[in-house]
Amino acid sequence: MTVALVLAGLVASGVFSLVASAFTAPVGYQDETGFHLGKQAQGVAEK
């Protein structure tokens, strides 16, 4: 019974940490030059 409670606690803490990291992740996009915050630029000229 104790082992089951410990495992349930570990699973619950793992789920909580995943949810917390998903809510605090930066919002943006990634292209060939890296990660950018904000909306994706439309019609960027090629170099």
Protein backbone atom coordinates (compact mmCIF):
# COMPACT_ATOMS: atom_id res chain seq x y z
CA MET A 1 0.00 0.00 0.00
CA THR A 2 2.82 2.40 0.83
CA VAL A 3 4.54 1.67 -2.46
CA ALA A 4 1.34 2.43 -4.35
CA LEU A 5 0.98 5.78 -2.56
CA VAL A 6 4.60 6.71 -3.29
CA LEU A 7 4.19 5.81 -6.97
CA ALA A 8 0.92 7.77 -7.17
CA GLY A 9 2.67 10.78 -5.65
CA LEU A 10 5.52 10.55 -8.13
CA VAL A 11 3.12 10.30 -11.06
CA ALA A 12 1.03 13.22 -9.76
CA SER A 13 4.09 15.41 -9.30
CA GLY A 14 5.29 14.53 -12.81
CA VAL A 15 1.95 15.44 -14.32
CA PHE A 16 1.86 18.69 -12.35
CA SER A 17 5.35 19.67 -13.50
CA LEU A 18 4.47 18.97 -17.15
CA VAL A 19 1.31 21.06 -16.94
CA ALA A 20 3.17 23.90 -15.20
CA SER A 21 5.92 23.91 -17.83
CA ALA A 22 3.36 23.92 -20.65
CA PHE A 23 1.67 27.01 -19.21
CA THR A 24 4.95 28.88 -18.68
CA ALA A 25 6.52 28.05 -22.05
CA PRO A 26 7.22 31.02 -24.32
CA VAL A 27 4.83 31.55 -27.21
CA GLY A 28 6.51 31.95 -30.56
CA TYR A 29 7.76 30.14 -33.62
CA GLN A 30 10.97 28.55 -34.85
CA ASP A 31 12.45 28.84 -38.31
CA GLU A 32 15.84 28.16 -39.89
CA THR A 33 17.42 31.08 -37.98
CA GLY A 34 16.17 30.05 -34.53
CA PHE A 35 13.34 30.67 -32.09
CA HIS A 36 11.40 33.96 -32.13
CA LEU A 37 8.82 35.30 -29.71
CA GLY A 38 5.51 36.54 -31.08
CA LYS A 39 3.63 35.82 -34.27
CA GLN A 40 5.34 34.43 -37.33
CA ALA A 41 6.41 37.11 -39.78
CA GLN A 42 4.57 37.00 -43.09
CA GLY A 43 6.40 37.59 -46.36
CA VAL A 44 9.95 37.77 -45.05
CA ALA A 45 12.40 38.42 -47.89
CA GLU A 46 14.98 35.72 -48.52
CA LYS A 47 18.65 36.55 -48.10
